[in-house]
Amino acid sequence: MTDDIELRAYHLYLGRGATHGHDLDDWLEAERQMLEGIRKNKASLRLALAFGLLKEPADR
């Protein structure tokens, strides 16, 4: 996941015109965006399970 955050932060950096001095801001924003995406996917999965669109994985 760290690699994904690093890549997203780099894209944010490029999106700002590659100006220096905002590395921590870019990293934290990238991290926030990644975690938000995970939360949304988790919520979608819960809804799919609740409505029977997916079967819950068997206990291992």
PDB file of N, CA and C in Angstrom:
ATOM      1  N   MET A   1       0.822  -1.187   0.000  1.00  0.00           N
ATOM      2  CA  MET A   1       0.000   0.000   0.000  1.00  0.00           C
ATOM      3  C   MET A   1       0.875   1.263   0.000  1.00  0.00           C
ATOM      4  N   THR A   2       2.027   1.173   0.607  1.00  0.00           N
ATOM      5  CA  THR A   2       2.931   2.319   0.645  1.00  0.00           C
ATOM      6  C   THR A   2       3.326   2.753  -0.769  1.00  0.00           C
ATOM      7  N   ASP A   3       3.537   1.778  -1.649  1.00  0.00           N
ATOM      8  CA  ASP A   3       3.886   2.116  -3.034  1.00  0.00           C
ATOM      9  C   ASP A   3       2.745   2.867  -3.715  1.00  0.00           C
ATOM     10  N   ASP A   4       1.513   2.463  -3.436  1.00  0.00           N
ATOM     11  CA  ASP A   4       0.341   3.142  -4.012  1.00  0.00           C
ATOM     12  C   ASP A   4       0.243   4.580  -3.508  1.00  0.00           C
ATOM     13  N   ILE A   5       0.494   4.772  -2.222  1.00  0.00           N
ATOM     14  CA  ILE A   5       0.455   6.119  -1.647  1.00  0.00           C
ATOM     15  C   ILE A   5       1.563   6.970  -2.267  1.00  0.00           C
ATOM     16  N   GLU A   6       2.739   6.384  -2.396  1.00  0.00           N
ATOM     17  CA  GLU A   6       3.863   7.112  -2.985  1.00  0.00           C
ATOM     18  C   GLU A   6       3.541   7.549  -4.416  1.00  0.00           C
ATOM     19  N   LEU A   7       2.959   6.663  -5.200  1.00  0.00           N
ATOM     20  CA  LEU A   7       2.606   6.996  -6.581  1.00  0.00           C
ATOM     21  C   LEU A   7       1.536   8.080  -6.631  1.00  0.00           C
ATOM     22  N   ARG A   8       0.528   7.967  -5.756  1.00  0.00           N
ATOM     23  CA  ARG A   8      -0.530   8.985  -5.727  1.00  0.00           C
ATOM     24  C   ARG A   8       0.047  10.341  -5.301  1.00  0.00           C
ATOM     25  N   ALA A   9       0.929  10.340  -4.312  1.00  0.00           N
ATOM     26  CA  ALA A   9       1.564  11.581  -3.865  1.00  0.00           C
ATOM     27  C   ALA A   9       2.375  12.205  -4.995  1.00  0.00           C
ATOM     28  N   TYR A  10       3.045  11.375  -5.772  1.00  0.00           N
ATOM     29  CA  TYR A  10       3.817  11.876  -6.906  1.00  0.00           C
ATOM     30  C   TYR A  10       2.895  12.521  -7.943  1.00  0.00           C
ATOM     31  N   HIS A  11       1.735  11.895  -8.181  1.00  0.00           N
ATOM     32  CA  HIS A  11       0.772  12.476  -9.120  1.00  0.00           C
ATOM     33  C   HIS A  11       0.226  13.809  -8.596  1.00  0.00           C
ATOM     34  N   LEU A  12       0.025  13.910  -7.309  1.00  0.00           N
ATOM     35  CA  LEU A  12      -0.407  15.185  -6.725  1.00  0.00           C
ATOM     36  C   LEU A  12       0.675  16.251  -6.915  1.00  0.00           C
ATOM     37  N   TYR A  13       1.902  15.856  -6.691  1.00  0.00           N
ATOM     38  CA  TYR A  13       3.052  16.750  -6.887  1.00  0.00           C
ATOM     39  C   TYR A  13       3.092  17.251  -8.329  1.00  0.00           C
ATOM     40  N   LEU A  14       2.942  16.339  -9.279  1.00  0.00           N
ATOM     41  CA  LEU A  14       2.947  16.733 -10.686  1.00  0.00           C
ATOM     42  C   LEU A  14       1.751  17.620 -11.012  1.00  0.00           C
ATOM     43  N   GLY A  15       0.608  17.303 -10.399  1.00  0.00           N
ATOM     44  CA  GLY A  15      -0.605  18.088 -10.635  1.00  0.00           C
ATOM     45  C   GLY A  15      -0.485  19.534 -10.160  1.00  0.00           C
ATOM     46  N   ARG A  16       0.383  19.780  -9.200  1.00  0.00           N
ATOM     47  CA  ARG A  16       0.629  21.134  -8.703  1.00  0.00           C
ATOM     48  C   ARG A  16       1.725  21.824  -9.487  1.00  0.00           C
ATOM     49  N   GLY A  17       2.169  21.220 -10.572  1.00  0.00           N
ATOM     50  CA  GLY A  17       3.226  21.834 -11.366  1.00  0.00           C
ATOM     51  C   GLY A  17       4.617  21.468 -10.898  1.00  0.00           C
ATOM     52  N   ALA A  18       4.735  20.387 -10.137  1.00  0.00           N
ATOM     53  CA  ALA A  18       6.020  19.888  -9.644  1.00  0.00           C
ATOM     54  C   ALA A  18       6.764  20.929  -8.803  1.00  0.00           C
ATOM     55  N   THR A  19       5.999  21.697  -8.024  1.00  0.00           N
ATOM     56  CA  THR A  19       6.640  22.654  -7.118  1.00  0.00           C
ATOM     57  C   THR A  19       7.052  21.946  -5.834  1.00  0.00           C
ATOM     58  N   HIS A  20       8.223  22.276  -5.372  1.00  0.00           N
ATOM     59  CA  HIS A  20       8.781  21.617  -4.188  1.00  0.00           C
ATOM     60  C   HIS A  20       8.246  22.248  -2.900  1.00  0.00           C
ATOM     61  N   GLY A  21       8.408  21.501  -1.808  1.00  0.00           N
ATOM     62  CA  GLY A  21       8.069  22.033  -0.494  1.00  0.00           C
ATOM     63  C   GLY A  21       6.733  21.568   0.047  1.00  0.00           C
ATOM     64  N   HIS A  22       6.057  20.675  -0.666  1.00  0.00           N
ATOM     65  CA  HIS A  22       4.750  20.199  -0.215  1.00  0.00           C
ATOM     66  C   HIS A  22       4.719  18.674  -0.103  1.00  0.00           C
ATOM     67  N   ASP A  23       5.867  18.071   0.083  1.00  0.00           N
ATOM     68  CA  ASP A  23       5.945  16.618   0.090  1.00  0.00           C
ATOM     69  C   ASP A  23       5.091  15.984   1.176  1.00  0.00           C
ATOM     70  N   LEU A  24       5.107  16.540   2.368  1.00  0.00           N
ATOM     71  CA  LEU A  24       4.298  15.974   3.444  1.00  0.00           C
ATOM     72  C   LEU A  24       2.810  16.159   3.159  1.00  0.00           C
ATOM     73  N   ASP A  25       2.433  17.334   2.665  1.00  0.00           N
ATOM     74  CA  ASP A  25       1.033  17.571   2.306  1.00  0.00           C
ATOM     75  C   ASP A  25       0.570  16.590   1.236  1.00  0.00           C
ATOM     76  N   ASP A  26       1.410  16.378   0.224  1.00  0.00           N
ATOM     77  CA  ASP A  26       1.064  15.443  -0.846  1.00  0.00           C
ATOM     78  C   ASP A  26       0.921  14.025  -0.302  1.00  0.00           C
ATOM     79  N   TRP A  27       1.847  13.632   0.561  1.00  0.00           N
ATOM     80  CA  TRP A  27       1.801  12.283   1.135  1.00  0.00           C
ATOM     81  C   TRP A  27       0.522  12.096   1.952  1.00  0.00           C
ATOM     82  N   LEU A  28       0.210  13.046   2.818  1.00  0.00           N
ATOM     83  CA  LEU A  28      -0.968  12.913   3.670  1.00  0.00           C
ATOM     84  C   LEU A  28      -2.259  12.925   2.859  1.00  0.00           C
ATOM     85  N   GLU A  29      -2.318  13.740   1.822  1.00  0.00           N
ATOM     86  CA  GLU A  29      -3.494  13.761   0.957  1.00  0.00           C
ATOM     87  C   GLU A  29      -3.625  12.445   0.193  1.00  0.00           C
ATOM     88  N   ALA A  30      -2.524  11.924  -0.300  1.00  0.00           N
ATOM     89  CA  ALA A  30      -2.545  10.644  -1.000  1.00  0.00           C
ATOM     90  C   ALA A  30      -3.004   9.525  -0.056  1.00  0.00           C
ATOM     91  N   GLU A  31      -2.509   9.551   1.155  1.00  0.00           N
ATOM     92  CA  GLU A  31      -2.908   8.557   2.159  1.00  0.00           C
ATOM     93  C   GLU A  31      -4.403   8.659   2.452  1.00  0.00           C
ATOM     94  N   ARG A  32      -4.901   9.876   2.613  1.00  0.00           N
ATOM     95  CA  ARG A  32      -6.320  10.089   2.874  1.00  0.00           C
ATOM     96  C   ARG A  32      -7.160   9.556   1.725  1.00  0.00           C
ATOM     97  N   GLN A  33      -6.741   9.839   0.502  1.00  0.00           N
ATOM     98  CA  GLN A  33      -7.483   9.374  -0.666  1.00  0.00           C
ATOM     99  C   GLN A  33      -7.501   7.850  -0.754  1.00  0.00           C
ATOM    100  N   MET A  34      -6.381   7.231  -0.479  1.00  0.00           N
ATOM    101  CA  MET A  34      -6.303   5.762  -0.525  1.00  0.00           C
ATOM    102  C   MET A  34      -7.206   5.136   0.536  1.00  0.00           C
ATOM    103  N   LEU A  35      -7.169   5.682   1.743  1.00  0.00           N
ATOM    104  CA  LEU A  35      -7.995   5.136   2.819  1.00  0.00           C
ATOM    105  C   LEU A  35      -9.480   5.350   2.541  1.00  0.00           C
ATOM    106  N   GLU A  36      -9.828   6.475   1.947  1.00  0.00           N
ATOM    107  CA  GLU A  36     -11.215   6.727   1.583  1.00  0.00           C
ATOM    108  C   GLU A  36     -11.691   5.708   0.543  1.00  0.00           C
ATOM    109  N   GLY A  37     -10.839   5.399  -0.411  1.00  0.00           N
ATOM    110  CA  GLY A  37     -11.176   4.387  -1.408  1.00  0.00           C
ATOM    111  C   GLY A  37     -11.395   3.021  -0.782  1.00  0.00           C
ATOM    112  N   ILE A  38     -10.572   2.675   0.189  1.00  0.00           N
ATOM    113  CA  ILE A  38     -10.725   1.392   0.883  1.00  0.00           C
ATOM    114  C   ILE A  38     -12.042   1.372   1.654  1.00  0.00           C
ATOM    115  N   ARG A  39     -12.368   2.471   2.319  1.00  0.00           N
ATOM    116  CA  ARG A  39     -13.636   2.542   3.068  1.00  0.00           C
ATOM    117  C   ARG A  39     -14.828   2.371   2.138  1.00  0.00           C
ATOM    118  N   LYS A  40     -14.802   3.022   0.982  1.00  0.00           N
ATOM    119  CA  LYS A  40     -15.908   2.918   0.031  1.00  0.00           C
ATOM    120  C   LYS A  40     -16.044   1.494  -0.493  1.00  0.00           C
ATOM    121  N   ASN A  41     -14.916   0.864  -0.813  1.00  0.00           N
ATOM    122  CA  ASN A  41     -14.955  -0.514  -1.297  1.00  0.00           C
ATOM    123  C   ASN A  41     -15.486  -1.458  -0.233  1.00  0.00           C
ATOM    124  N   LYS A  42     -15.091  -1.219   1.006  1.00  0.00           N
ATOM    125  CA  LYS A  42     -15.553  -2.056   2.111  1.00  0.00           C
ATOM    126  C   LYS A  42     -17.056  -1.898   2.300  1.00  0.00           C
ATOM    127  N   ALA A  43     -17.559  -0.669   2.199  1.00  0.00           N
ATOM    128  CA  ALA A  43     -18.996  -0.422   2.333  1.00  0.00           C
ATOM    129  C   ALA A  43     -19.751  -1.085   1.190  1.00  0.00           C
ATOM    130  N   SER A  44     -19.220  -1.019  -0.019  1.00  0.00           N
ATOM    131  CA  SER A  44     -19.858  -1.659  -1.171  1.00  0.00           C
ATOM    132  C   SER A  44     -19.899  -3.168  -0.996  1.00  0.00           C
ATOM    133  N   LEU A  45     -18.846  -3.731  -0.476  1.00  0.00           N
ATOM    134  CA  LEU A  45     -18.800  -5.162  -0.242  1.00  0.00           C
ATOM    135  C   LEU A  45     -19.840  -5.566   0.801  1.00  0.00           C
ATOM    136  N   ARG A  46     -19.958  -4.786   1.864  1.00  0.00           N
ATOM    137  CA  ARG A  46     -20.956  -5.082   2.899  1.00  0.00           C
ATOM    138  C   ARG A  46     -22.375  -5.045   2.325  1.00  0.00           C
ATOM    139  N   LEU A  47     -22.656  -4.053   1.485  1.00  0.00           N
ATOM    140  CA  LEU A  47     -23.982  -3.976   0.867  1.00  0.00           C
ATOM    141  C   LEU A  47     -24.234  -5.173  -0.036  1.00  0.00           C
ATOM    142  N   ALA A  48     -23.250  -5.553  -0.823  1.00  0.00           N
ATOM    143  CA  ALA A  48     -23.402  -6.708  -1.707  1.00  0.00           C
ATOM    144  C   ALA A  48     -23.665  -7.969  -0.898  1.00  0.00           C
ATOM    145  N   LEU A  49     -22.967  -8.142   0.199  1.00  0.00           N
ATOM    146  CA  LEU A  49     -23.188  -9.304   1.068  1.00  0.00           C
ATOM    147  C   LEU A  49     -24.573  -9.250   1.704  1.00  0.00           C
ATOM    148  N   ALA A  50     -24.994  -8.069   2.128  1.00  0.00           N
ATOM    149  CA  ALA A  50     -26.289  -7.913   2.785  1.00  0.00           C
ATOM    150  C   ALA A  50     -27.442  -8.249   1.839  1.00  0.00           C
ATOM    151  N   PHE A  51     -27.293  -7.932   0.576  1.00  0.00           N
ATOM    152  CA  PHE A  51     -28.355  -8.187  -0.383  1.00  0.00           C
ATOM    153  C   PHE A  51     -28.178  -9.508  -1.119  1.00  0.00           C
ATOM    154  N   GLY A  52     -27.236 -10.305  -0.668  1.00  0.00           N
ATOM    155  CA  GLY A  52     -27.057 -11.638  -1.236  1.00  0.00           C
ATOM    156  C   GLY A  52     -26.418 -11.649  -2.614  1.00  0.00           C
ATOM    157  N   LEU A  53     -25.796 -10.561  -2.998  1.00  0.00           N
ATOM    158  CA  LEU A  53     -25.156 -10.520  -4.310  1.00  0.00           C
ATOM    159  C   LEU A  53     -23.833 -11.259  -4.317  1.00  0.00           C
ATOM    160  N   LEU A  54     -23.255 -11.437  -3.153  1.00  0.00           N
ATOM    161  CA  LEU A  54     -22.030 -12.210  -2.982  1.00  0.00           C
ATOM    162  C   LEU A  54     -22.222 -13.159  -1.836  1.00  0.00           C
ATOM    163  N   LYS A  55     -21.509 -14.242  -1.865  1.00  0.00           N
ATOM    164  CA  LYS A  55     -21.527 -15.157  -0.732  1.00  0.00           C
ATOM    165  C   LYS A  55     -20.339 -14.849   0.151  1.00  0.00           C
ATOM    166  N   GLU A  56     -20.550 -14.948   1.455  1.00  0.00           N
ATOM    167  CA  GLU A  56     -19.442 -14.721   2.375  1.00  0.00           C
ATOM    168  C   GLU A  56     -18.420 -15.823   2.212  1.00  0.00           C
ATOM    169  N   PRO A  57     -17.144 -15.488   2.316  1.00  0.00           N
ATOM    170  CA  PRO A  57     -16.104 -16.505   2.187  1.00  0.00           C
ATOM    171  C   PRO A  57     -16.219 -17.523   3.333  1.00  0.00           C
ATOM    172  N   ALA A  58     -15.962 -18.763   3.011  1.00  0.00           N
ATOM    173  CA  ALA A  58     -15.997 -19.821   4.021  1.00  0.00           C
ATOM    174  C   ALA A  58     -14.867 -19.617   5.012  1.00  0.00           C
ATOM    175  N   ASP A  59     -15.113 -19.977   6.264  1.00  0.00           N
ATOM    176  CA  ASP A  59     -14.048 -19.888   7.267  1.00  0.00           C
ATOM    177  C   ASP A  59     -12.914 -20.802   6.874  1.00  0.00           C
ATOM    178  N   ARG A  60     -11.705 -20.308   7.056  1.00  0.00           N
ATOM    179  CA  ARG A  60     -10.534 -21.086   6.655  1.00  0.00           C
ATOM    180  C   ARG A  60      -9.987 -21.848   7.808  1.00  0.00           C
TER     181      ARG A  60
END
